[in-house]
C-alpha atoms as a PDB file:
ATOM      1  CA  MET A   1       0.123  -0.065  -0.189  1.00  0.00           C
ATOM      2  CA  PHE A   2       2.440   2.865   1.142  1.00  0.00           C
ATOM      3  CA  ASP A   3       5.053   1.440  -2.139  1.00  0.00           C
ATOM      4  CA  PHE A   4       1.363   2.245  -4.314  1.00  0.00           C
ATOM      5  CA  ASN A   5       0.505   5.953  -2.780  1.00  0.00           C
ATOM      6  CA  ALA A   6       4.190   6.643  -2.788  1.00  0.00           C
ATOM      7  CA  ASN A   7       4.593   6.290  -6.461  1.00  0.00           C
ATOM      8  CA  LEU A   8       0.782   8.182  -6.816  1.00  0.00           C
ATOM      9  CA  VAL A   9       1.927  10.958  -4.630  1.00  0.00           C
ATOM     10  CA  ARG A  10       5.606  11.361  -6.221  1.00  0.00           C
ATOM     11  CA  LEU A  11       4.031  11.213 -10.201  1.00  0.00           C
ATOM     12  CA  SER A  12       1.587  13.498  -8.792  1.00  0.00           C
ATOM     13  CA  VAL A  13       3.888  15.698  -7.450  1.00  0.00           C
ATOM     14  CA  PHE A  14       6.620  15.611 -10.469  1.00  0.00           C
ATOM     15  CA  ILE A  15       3.495  16.148 -13.391  1.00  0.00           C
ATOM     16  CA  GLY A  16       2.071  19.353 -10.785  1.00  0.00           C
ATOM     17  CA  VAL A  17       5.499  20.867 -10.294  1.00  0.00           C
ATOM     18  CA  PHE A  18       6.146  21.037 -14.128  1.00  0.00           C
ATOM     19  CA  ILE A  19       2.940  22.127 -14.761  1.00  0.00           C
ATOM     20  CA  PHE A  20       3.553  25.062 -12.555  1.00  0.00           C
ATOM     21  CA  CYS A  21       6.920  25.805 -13.507  1.00  0.00           C
ATOM     22  CA  ALA A  22       6.475  25.641 -17.190  1.00  0.00           C
ATOM     23  CA  ILE A  23       3.307  27.877 -16.454  1.00  0.00           C
ATOM     24  CA  ILE A  24       5.025  30.355 -14.190  1.00  0.00           C
ATOM     25  CA  GLU A  25       8.330  30.496 -16.191  1.00  0.00           C
ATOM     26  CA  ALA A  26       6.716  31.536 -19.466  1.00  0.00           C
ATOM     27  CA  VAL A  27       4.744  34.603 -17.776  1.00  0.00           C
ATOM     28  CA  PHE A  28       7.498  35.902 -15.890  1.00  0.00           C
ATOM     29  CA  PRO A  29      10.502  34.713 -17.666  1.00  0.00           C
ATOM     30  CA  LYS A  30      13.922  35.399 -16.904  1.00  0.00           C
ATOM     31  CA  LYS A  31      16.278  35.288 -19.837  1.00  0.00           C
ATOM     32  CA  LYS A  32      15.376  35.739 -23.284  1.00  0.00           C
ATOM     33  CA  ARG A  33      15.127  31.520 -25.007  1.00  0.00           C
ATOM     34  CA  THR A  34      18.017  31.038 -27.964  1.00  0.00           C
ATOM     35  CA  GLN A  35      15.943  28.242 -29.131  1.00  0.00           C
ATOM     36  CA  THR A  36      11.917  27.313 -29.523  1.00  0.00           C
ATOM     37  CA  ARG A  37      10.651  25.301 -26.747  1.00  0.00           C
ATOM     38  CA  ALA A  38       9.542  22.681 -28.654  1.00  0.00           C
ATOM     39  CA  LYS A  39      12.544  22.170 -30.291  1.00  0.00           C
ATOM     40  CA  ARG A  40      14.429  21.170 -26.678  1.00  0.00           C
ATOM     41  CA  TRP A  41      11.531  19.691 -25.165  1.00  0.00           C
ATOM     42  CA  PHE A  42      11.189  17.026 -27.775  1.00  0.00           C
ATOM     43  CA  SER A  43      14.555  15.940 -27.104  1.00  0.00           C
ATOM     44  CA  ASN A  44      14.401  17.066 -22.705  1.00  0.00           C
ATOM     45  CA  ILE A  45      11.152  14.832 -22.538  1.00  0.00           C
ATOM     46  CA  GLY A  46      12.500  12.218 -24.599  1.00  0.00           C
ATOM     47  CA  ILE A  47      14.888  11.691 -22.262  1.00  0.00           C
ATOM     48  CA  ILE A  48      12.373  11.552 -18.891  1.00  0.00           C
ATOM     49  CA  VAL A  49      10.242   9.251 -20.940  1.00  0.00           C
ATOM     50  CA  ILE A  50      13.545   7.187 -21.646  1.00  0.00           C
ATOM     51  CA  ASP A  51      15.069   7.938 -17.907  1.00  0.00           C
ATOM     52  CA  SER A  52      11.537   6.355 -16.348  1.00  0.00           C
ATOM     53  CA  ILE A  53      11.142   3.611 -18.449  1.00  0.00           C
ATOM     54  CA  VAL A  54      15.318   2.575 -17.306  1.00  0.00           C
ATOM     55  CA  VAL A  55      13.997   3.228 -13.198  1.00  0.00           C
ATOM     56  CA  ARG A  56      10.945   0.882 -13.854  1.00  0.00           C
ATOM     57  CA  LEU A  57      13.352  -1.953 -15.439  1.00  0.00           C
ATOM     58  CA  ILE A  58      15.762  -1.684 -12.011  1.00  0.00           C
ATOM     59  CA  GLY A  59      12.650  -2.000 -10.310  1.00  0.00           C
ATOM     60  CA  GLN A  60      13.151  -2.922  -6.815  1.00  0.00           C
ATOM     61  CA  LEU A  61      16.675  -1.039  -6.759  1.00  0.00           C
ATOM     62  CA  SER A  62      14.751   2.204  -5.309  1.00  0.00           C
ATOM     63  CA  ALA A  63      15.569   4.607  -2.809  1.00  0.00           C
ATOM     64  CA  VAL A  64      12.654   3.746  -0.748  1.00  0.00           C
ATOM     65  CA  ALA A  65      12.897   0.036  -0.926  1.00  0.00           C
ATOM     66  CA  VAL A  66      16.102   0.327  -0.496  1.00  0.00           C
ATOM     67  CA  ALA A  67      15.401   2.264   2.809  1.00  0.00           C
ATOM     68  CA  PHE A  68      12.475  -0.716   3.512  1.00  0.00           C
ATOM     69  CA  TYR A  69      15.660  -3.120   3.436  1.00  0.00           C
ATOM     70  CA  ALA A  70      17.682  -1.279   5.895  1.00  0.00           C
ATOM     71  CA  ALA A  71      14.773  -0.786   8.537  1.00  0.00           C
ATOM     72  CA  GLY A  72      14.568  -4.172   8.501  1.00  0.00           C
ATOM     73  CA  GLN A  73      18.158  -5.230   9.020  1.00  0.00           C
ATOM     74  CA  GLY A  74      18.683  -2.240  12.015  1.00  0.00           C
ATOM     75  CA  TRP A  75      21.136  -0.826   9.169  1.00  0.00           C
ATOM     76  CA  GLY A  76      22.853   2.576   9.015  1.00  0.00           C
ATOM     77  CA  LEU A  77      23.559   5.268  11.650  1.00  0.00           C
ATOM     78  CA  LEU A  78      20.329   6.426  12.585  1.00  0.00           C
ATOM     79  CA  ASN A  79      18.765   3.475  12.636  1.00  0.00           C
ATOM     80  CA  TRP A  80      21.348   3.191  15.614  1.00  0.00           C
ATOM     81  CA  LEU A  81      20.241   6.104  16.998  1.00  0.00           C
ATOM     82  CA  ASN A  82      17.537   6.917  19.527  1.00  0.00           C
ATOM     83  CA  LEU A  83      16.350  10.126  17.633  1.00  0.00           C
ATOM     84  CA  PRO A  84      12.566  11.764  18.255  1.00  0.00           C
ATOM     85  CA  ALA A  85      10.910  11.442  14.243  1.00  0.00           C
ATOM     86  CA  TRP A  86      10.553  14.359  13.633  1.00  0.00           C
ATOM     87  CA  PHE A  87      14.119  15.384  14.092  1.00  0.00           C
ATOM     88  CA  GLU A  88      15.462  12.000  12.199  1.00  0.00           C
ATOM     89  CA  ILE A  89      13.354  13.190   9.160  1.00  0.00           C
ATOM     90  CA  ILE A  90      15.121  16.649   9.509  1.00  0.00           C
ATOM     91  CA  LEU A  91      18.363  15.661   9.758  1.00  0.00           C
ATOM     92  CA  ALA A  92      18.049  12.281   7.448  1.00  0.00           C
ATOM     93  CA  VAL A  93      16.473  14.598   4.825  1.00  0.00           C
ATOM     94  CA  ALA A  94      19.725  17.603   5.361  1.00  0.00           C
ATOM     95  CA  LEU A  95      22.176  14.299   5.111  1.00  0.00           C
ATOM     96  CA  LEU A  96      20.872  12.873   2.110  1.00  0.00           C
ATOM     97  CA  ASP A  97      21.204  16.609  -0.005  1.00  0.00           C
ATOM     98  CA  LEU A  98      24.421  17.002   1.653  1.00  0.00           C
ATOM     99  CA  ALA A  99      24.700  13.348   0.094  1.00  0.00           C
ATOM    100  CA  ILE A 100      23.610  15.041  -3.594  1.00  0.00           C
ATOM    101  CA  TYR A 101      25.848  17.748  -3.031  1.00  0.00           C
ATOM    102  CA  ALA A 102      28.917  16.289  -3.332  1.00  0.00           C
ATOM    103  CA  GLN A 103      27.800  13.605  -5.494  1.00  0.00           C
ATOM    104  CA  HIS A 104      27.259  16.288  -7.898  1.00  0.00           C
ATOM    105  CA  VAL A 105      31.001  17.765  -7.294  1.00  0.00           C
ATOM    106  CA  ALA A 106      31.998  14.268  -8.480  1.00  0.00           C
ATOM    107  CA  SER A 107      30.492  14.395 -11.356  1.00  0.00           C
ATOM    108  CA  HIS A 108      32.188  17.459 -12.814  1.00  0.00           C
ATOM    109  CA  LYS A 109      35.601  16.352 -10.861  1.00  0.00           C
ATOM    110  CA  ILE A 110      35.674  12.930 -12.328  1.00  0.00           C
ATOM    111  CA  PRO A 111      35.703  12.761 -15.893  1.00  0.00           C
ATOM    112  CA  LEU A 112      33.962   9.283 -16.027  1.00  0.00           C
ATOM    113  CA  LEU A 113      31.221  10.969 -14.443  1.00  0.00           C
ATOM    114  CA  TRP A 114      31.711  14.337 -16.362  1.00  0.00           C
ATOM    115  CA  LYS A 115      31.199  12.468 -19.294  1.00  0.00           C
ATOM    116  CA  MET A 116      27.814  11.750 -18.422  1.00  0.00           C
ATOM    117  CA  HIS A 117      26.750  14.609 -16.736  1.00  0.00           C
ATOM    118  CA  ARG A 118      27.733  16.926 -19.456  1.00  0.00           C
ATOM    119  CA  VAL A 119      24.120  16.145 -21.569  1.00  0.00           C
ATOM    120  CA  HIS A 120      22.742  17.812 -18.679  1.00  0.00           C
ATOM    121  CA  HIS A 121      24.844  20.725 -19.243  1.00  0.00           C
ATOM    122  CA  ALA A 122      24.886  21.088 -22.869  1.00  0.00           C
ATOM    123  CA  ASP A 123      21.190  22.128 -22.737  1.00  0.00           C
ATOM    124  CA  ARG A 124      21.835  25.775 -24.545  1.00  0.00           C
ATOM    125  CA  ASP A 125      18.704  27.612 -22.741  1.00  0.00           C
ATOM    126  CA  ILE A 126      17.807  26.632 -18.996  1.00  0.00           C
ATOM    127  CA  ASP A 127      14.226  25.784 -18.011  1.00  0.00           C
ATOM    128  CA  VAL A 128      11.885  23.271 -16.034  1.00  0.00           C
ATOM    129  CA  THR A 129      12.768  20.788 -18.527  1.00  0.00           C
ATOM    130  CA  THR A 130      16.622  20.928 -18.138  1.00  0.00           C
ATOM    131  CA  GLY A 131      16.393  19.747 -14.391  1.00  0.00           C
ATOM    132  CA  THR A 132      15.363  16.234 -15.048  1.00  0.00           C
ATOM    133  CA  ARG A 133      17.666  16.386 -18.113  1.00  0.00           C
ATOM    134  CA  PHE A 134      20.294  13.570 -17.408  1.00  0.00           C
ATOM    135  CA  HIS A 135      21.243  11.189 -19.225  1.00  0.00           C
ATOM    136  CA  PRO A 136      20.274   7.296 -18.700  1.00  0.00           C
ATOM    137  CA  LEU A 137      23.531   5.761 -17.068  1.00  0.00           C
ATOM    138  CA  GLU A 138      23.467   8.736 -15.109  1.00  0.00           C
ATOM    139  CA  ILE A 139      20.322   8.090 -13.185  1.00  0.00           C
ATOM    140  CA  ILE A 140      21.340   4.115 -12.680  1.00  0.00           C
ATOM    141  CA  LEU A 141      24.983   5.433 -11.100  1.00  0.00           C
ATOM    142  CA  SER A 142      22.810   8.242  -8.646  1.00  0.00           C
ATOM    143  CA  MET A 143      20.420   5.129  -7.793  1.00  0.00           C
ATOM    144  CA  LEU A 144      23.068   3.402  -6.845  1.00  0.00           C
ATOM    145  CA  TYR A 145      24.879   5.753  -5.016  1.00  0.00           C
ATOM    146  CA  LYS A 146      21.674   6.613  -3.047  1.00  0.00           C
ATOM    147  CA  CYS A 147      20.784   2.948  -2.164  1.00  0.00           C
ATOM    148  CA  LEU A 148      24.606   2.913  -1.229  1.00  0.00           C
ATOM    149  CA  ILE A 149      23.881   6.477   1.125  1.00  0.00           C
ATOM    150  CA  ILE A 150      20.679   4.358   2.560  1.00  0.00           C
ATOM    151  CA  LEU A 151      22.190   1.540   3.649  1.00  0.00           C
ATOM    152  CA  LEU A 152      24.837   3.291   6.127  1.00  0.00           C
ATOM    153  CA  LEU A 153      22.888   6.111   7.073  1.00  0.00           C
ATOM    154  CA  GLY A 154      20.007   4.166   7.884  1.00  0.00           C
ATOM    155  CA  PRO A 155      17.317   7.137   7.713  1.00  0.00           C
ATOM    156  CA  SER A 156      13.169   5.963   8.019  1.00  0.00           C
ATOM    157  CA  VAL A 157      11.514   5.015   5.274  1.00  0.00           C
ATOM    158  CA  PHE A 158       8.717   8.369   5.058  1.00  0.00           C
ATOM    159  CA  ALA A 159      12.545  10.423   5.463  1.00  0.00           C
ATOM    160  CA  VAL A 160      13.796   8.967   2.030  1.00  0.00           C
ATOM    161  CA  PHE A 161      10.345   9.205   0.341  1.00  0.00           C
ATOM    162  CA  LEU A 162      10.269  12.847   1.702  1.00  0.00           C
ATOM    163  CA  PHE A 163      13.353  13.711   0.711  1.00  0.00           C
ATOM    164  CA  GLU A 164      13.114  11.878  -3.153  1.00  0.00           C
ATOM    165  CA  VAL A 165       9.744  14.660  -3.676  1.00  0.00           C
ATOM    166  CA  ILE A 166      11.514  17.395  -2.646  1.00  0.00           C
ATOM    167  CA  LEU A 167      14.563  16.572  -4.952  1.00  0.00           C
ATOM    168  CA  ASN A 168      12.054  15.905  -7.810  1.00  0.00           C
ATOM    169  CA  ALA A 169      10.515  19.292  -7.474  1.00  0.00           C
ATOM    170  CA  SER A 170      14.018  21.653  -6.381  1.00  0.00           C
ATOM    171  CA  ALA A 171      15.119  20.452  -9.231  1.00  0.00           C
ATOM    172  CA  MET A 172      12.522  21.409 -11.602  1.00  0.00           C
ATOM    173  CA  PHE A 173      11.675  24.219  -9.655  1.00  0.00           C
ATOM    174  CA  ASN A 174      15.760  25.757  -9.636  1.00  0.00           C
ATOM    175  CA  HIS A 175      16.064  24.843 -13.534  1.00  0.00           C
ATOM    176  CA  SER A 176      12.827  27.243 -14.814  1.00  0.00           C
ATOM    177  CA  ASN A 177      13.924  29.967 -16.164  1.00  0.00           C
ATOM    178  CA  LEU A 178      11.605  31.938 -13.612  1.00  0.00           C
ATOM    179  CA  ARG A 179      11.620  35.835 -12.955  1.00  0.00           C
ATOM    180  CA  LEU A 180      11.897  36.443  -8.803  1.00  0.00           C
ATOM    181  CA  THR A 181      11.962  39.849  -7.594  1.00  0.00           C
ATOM    182  CA  THR A 182      15.720  40.680  -5.697  1.00  0.00           C
ATOM    183  CA  TRP A 183      14.439  41.004  -2.253  1.00  0.00           C
ATOM    184  CA  PHE A 184      12.665  37.356  -2.615  1.00  0.00           C
ATOM    185  CA  ASP A 185      15.253  35.544  -3.989  1.00  0.00           C
ATOM    186  CA  LYS A 186      18.067  36.982  -1.284  1.00  0.00           C
ATOM    187  CA  ILE A 187      15.165  35.773   1.045  1.00  0.00           C
ATOM    188  CA  LEU A 188      14.544  32.198  -0.019  1.00  0.00           C
ATOM    189  CA  ARG A 189      17.879  31.585  -1.100  1.00  0.00           C
ATOM    190  CA  LYS A 190      19.183  31.870   2.462  1.00  0.00           C
ATOM    191  CA  LEU A 191      17.152  28.760   3.237  1.00  0.00           C
ATOM    192  CA  ILE A 192      16.951  26.935  -0.320  1.00  0.00           C
ATOM    193  CA  VAL A 193      18.581  27.307  -3.947  1.00  0.00           C
ATOM    194  CA  THR A 194      16.804  29.474  -6.286  1.00  0.00           C
ATOM    195  CA  PRO A 195      16.334  29.657 -10.226  1.00  0.00           C
ATOM    196  CA  ASP A 196      18.865  32.892 -10.400  1.00  0.00           C
ATOM    197  CA  MET A 197      21.318  30.968  -7.924  1.00  0.00           C
ATOM    198  CA  HIS A 198      21.390  27.597 -10.051  1.00  0.00           C
ATOM    199  CA  ARG A 199      21.336  29.210 -13.536  1.00  0.00           C
ATOM    200  CA  ILE A 200      25.244  30.587 -12.679  1.00  0.00           C
ATOM    201  CA  HIS A 201      26.497  26.894 -12.595  1.00  0.00           C
ATOM    202  CA  HIS A 202      25.009  26.485 -15.761  1.00  0.00           C
ATOM    203  CA  SER A 203      27.381  29.416 -17.519  1.00  0.00           C
ATOM    204  CA  VAL A 204      30.109  28.025 -19.826  1.00  0.00           C
ATOM    205  CA  ILE A 205      32.336  30.526 -17.540  1.00  0.00           C
ATOM    206  CA  PRO A 206      34.118  27.220 -16.055  1.00  0.00           C
ATOM    207  CA  ARG A 207      34.495  29.355 -12.844  1.00  0.00           C
ATOM    208  CA  GLU A 208      31.085  29.766 -12.792  1.00  0.00           C
ATOM    209  CA  THR A 209      30.362  26.037 -13.529  1.00  0.00           C
ATOM    210  CA  ASP A 210      32.372  25.734 -10.819  1.00  0.00           C
ATOM    211  CA  SER A 211      30.230  27.116  -8.157  1.00  0.00           C
ATOM    212  CA  ASN A 212      26.275  26.734  -7.197  1.00  0.00           C
ATOM    213  CA  TYR A 213      26.113  22.668  -6.748  1.00  0.00           C
ATOM    214  CA  GLY A 214      23.201  22.720  -4.367  1.00  0.00           C
ATOM    215  CA  PHE A 215      20.117  21.221  -5.918  1.00  0.00           C
ATOM    216  CA  PHE A 216      17.780  21.946  -1.990  1.00  0.00           C
ATOM    217  CA  LEU A 217      19.267  23.337   0.477  1.00  0.00           C
ATOM    218  CA  SER A 218      21.371  26.461  -0.243  1.00  0.00           C
ATOM    219  CA  ILE A 219      23.683  25.737   3.022  1.00  0.00           C
ATOM    220  CA  TRP A 220      26.229  23.099   1.202  1.00  0.00           C
ATOM    221  CA  ASP A 221      27.855  25.980  -1.066  1.00  0.00           C
ATOM    222  CA  LYS A 222      28.075  28.375   1.183  1.00  0.00           C
ATOM    223  CA  LEU A 223      29.952  26.035   3.893  1.00  0.00           C
ATOM    224  CA  PHE A 224      32.058  24.337   1.179  1.00  0.00           C
ATOM    225  CA  LYS A 225      32.534  27.436  -0.106  1.00  0.00           C
ATOM    226  CA  THR A 226      31.070  27.162  -3.120  1.00  0.00           C
ATOM    227  CA  TYR A 227      28.895  29.778  -3.975  1.00  0.00           C
ATOM    228  CA  ASN A 228      28.572  32.811  -6.241  1.00  0.00           C
ATOM    229  CA  GLU A 229      25.880  35.153  -5.530  1.00  0.00           C
ATOM    230  CA  GLN A 230      26.188  36.439  -8.725  1.00  0.00           C
ATOM    231  CA  PRO A 231      27.228  35.878 -12.628  1.00  0.00           C
ATOM    232  CA  GLU A 232      29.975  38.178 -14.513  1.00  0.00           C
ATOM    233  CA  LYS A 233      27.924  39.157 -17.302  1.00  0.00           C
ATOM    234  CA  GLY A 234      24.521  38.750 -15.149  1.00  0.00           C
ATOM    235  CA  HIS A 235      21.675  37.133 -16.174  1.00  0.00           C
ATOM    236  CA  ASP A 236      20.779  38.147 -19.205  1.00  0.00           C
ATOM    237  CA  GLY A 237      24.259  38.551 -21.025  1.00  0.00           C
ATOM    238  CA  MET A 238      25.217  35.311 -19.695  1.00  0.00           C
ATOM    239  CA  LEU A 239      26.306  32.408 -21.646  1.00  0.00           C
ATOM    240  CA  ILE A 240      24.120  29.005 -21.243  1.00  0.00           C
ATOM    241  CA  GLY A 241      25.312  25.413 -22.003  1.00  0.00           C
ATOM    242  CA  LEU A 242      29.302  24.466 -23.272  1.00  0.00           C
ATOM    243  CA  ASN A 243      31.324  26.095 -24.936  1.00  0.00           C
ATOM    244  CA  GLU A 244      31.935  23.519 -27.483  1.00  0.00           C
ATOM    245  CA  TYR A 245      28.339  22.801 -28.459  1.00  0.00           C
ATOM    246  CA  GLN A 246      27.407  25.820 -28.977  1.00  0.00           C
ATOM    247  CA  ASN A 247      25.184  24.797 -31.915  1.00  0.00           C
ATOM    248  CA  GLU A 248      21.930  22.111 -32.528  1.00  0.00           C
ATOM    249  CA  LYS A 249      23.165  19.429 -31.336  1.00  0.00           C
ATOM    250  CA  PRO A 250      22.405  19.354 -28.143  1.00  0.00           C
ATOM    251  CA  SER A 251      18.174  19.830 -28.677  1.00  0.00           C
ATOM    252  CA  ASN A 252      18.985  16.028 -30.609  1.00  0.00           C
ATOM    253  CA  LEU A 253      18.121  13.233 -28.651  1.00  0.00           C
ATOM    254  CA  LEU A 254      19.837  10.626 -30.213  1.00  0.00           C
ATOM    255  CA  TRP A 255      22.673  12.917 -29.767  1.00  0.00           C
ATOM    256  CA  CYS A 256      22.490  13.370 -26.413  1.00  0.00           C
ATOM    257  CA  LEU A 257      22.306   9.951 -25.757  1.00  0.00           C
ATOM    258  CA  LYS A 258      25.624   9.157 -27.889  1.00  0.00           C
ATOM    259  CA  LEU A 259      27.307  12.253 -26.108  1.00  0.00           C
ATOM    260  CA  PRO A 260      28.906  10.201 -23.127  1.00  0.00           C
ATOM    261  CA  PHE A 261      30.445   7.874 -25.826  1.00  0.00           C
ATOM    262  CA  VAL A 262      32.035  10.012 -27.984  1.00  0.00           C
ATOM    263  CA  LYS A 263      35.615  11.541 -27.238  1.00  0.00           C
END
């Protein structure tokens, strides 16, 4: 019953956040697009569909399923500590978010991981669909990594489920091409990663790409000195994507799937 409800809730939140961000970024866009939505969205949504099929094929190898297993076996740090339920959930979500931050940094620093992650960064515009544009191989490795972290950490099943929902929703939100007022953005980024904050990470300038790695909580970039407040050329002037692929290729679905294997 929990598995069914969890999947239904996750799908509902995903669709709801996707539609909300797509509408609001169309009404209040931050940055002018270099390509039409139709051209990019065919590839980006195609990747989402393929990733969804891959996730279904690997079946029980999911974060929630592994959390069930860890709880049953009594594995993981949080299973050994007698913490209040509310505090355990908050701590688990924060630590899982830290793990994703570390994974993201590794995806840029380790050449083999970067080969896959550059599919995400090759997108020449950044909007809600970019937040789900990850190569299927990266999705598989990410799932394996999260499962390992869950076995070591031992968070509750609900905490893992909640984090998965938050991670998906925040990835779509902070990749959206949404224009927020300066004062509201400053307030939000004291706690969470905002679109203006994460957009800098997609700049073609290396020192900007090497910053703002967070997906949900903004504290990790500030704590580990990878925080960049504003882009050098401003949001309107910054170039998105990868220098070597400022062409039509990143909007081609087959090209995206083949990119990790291209030297």
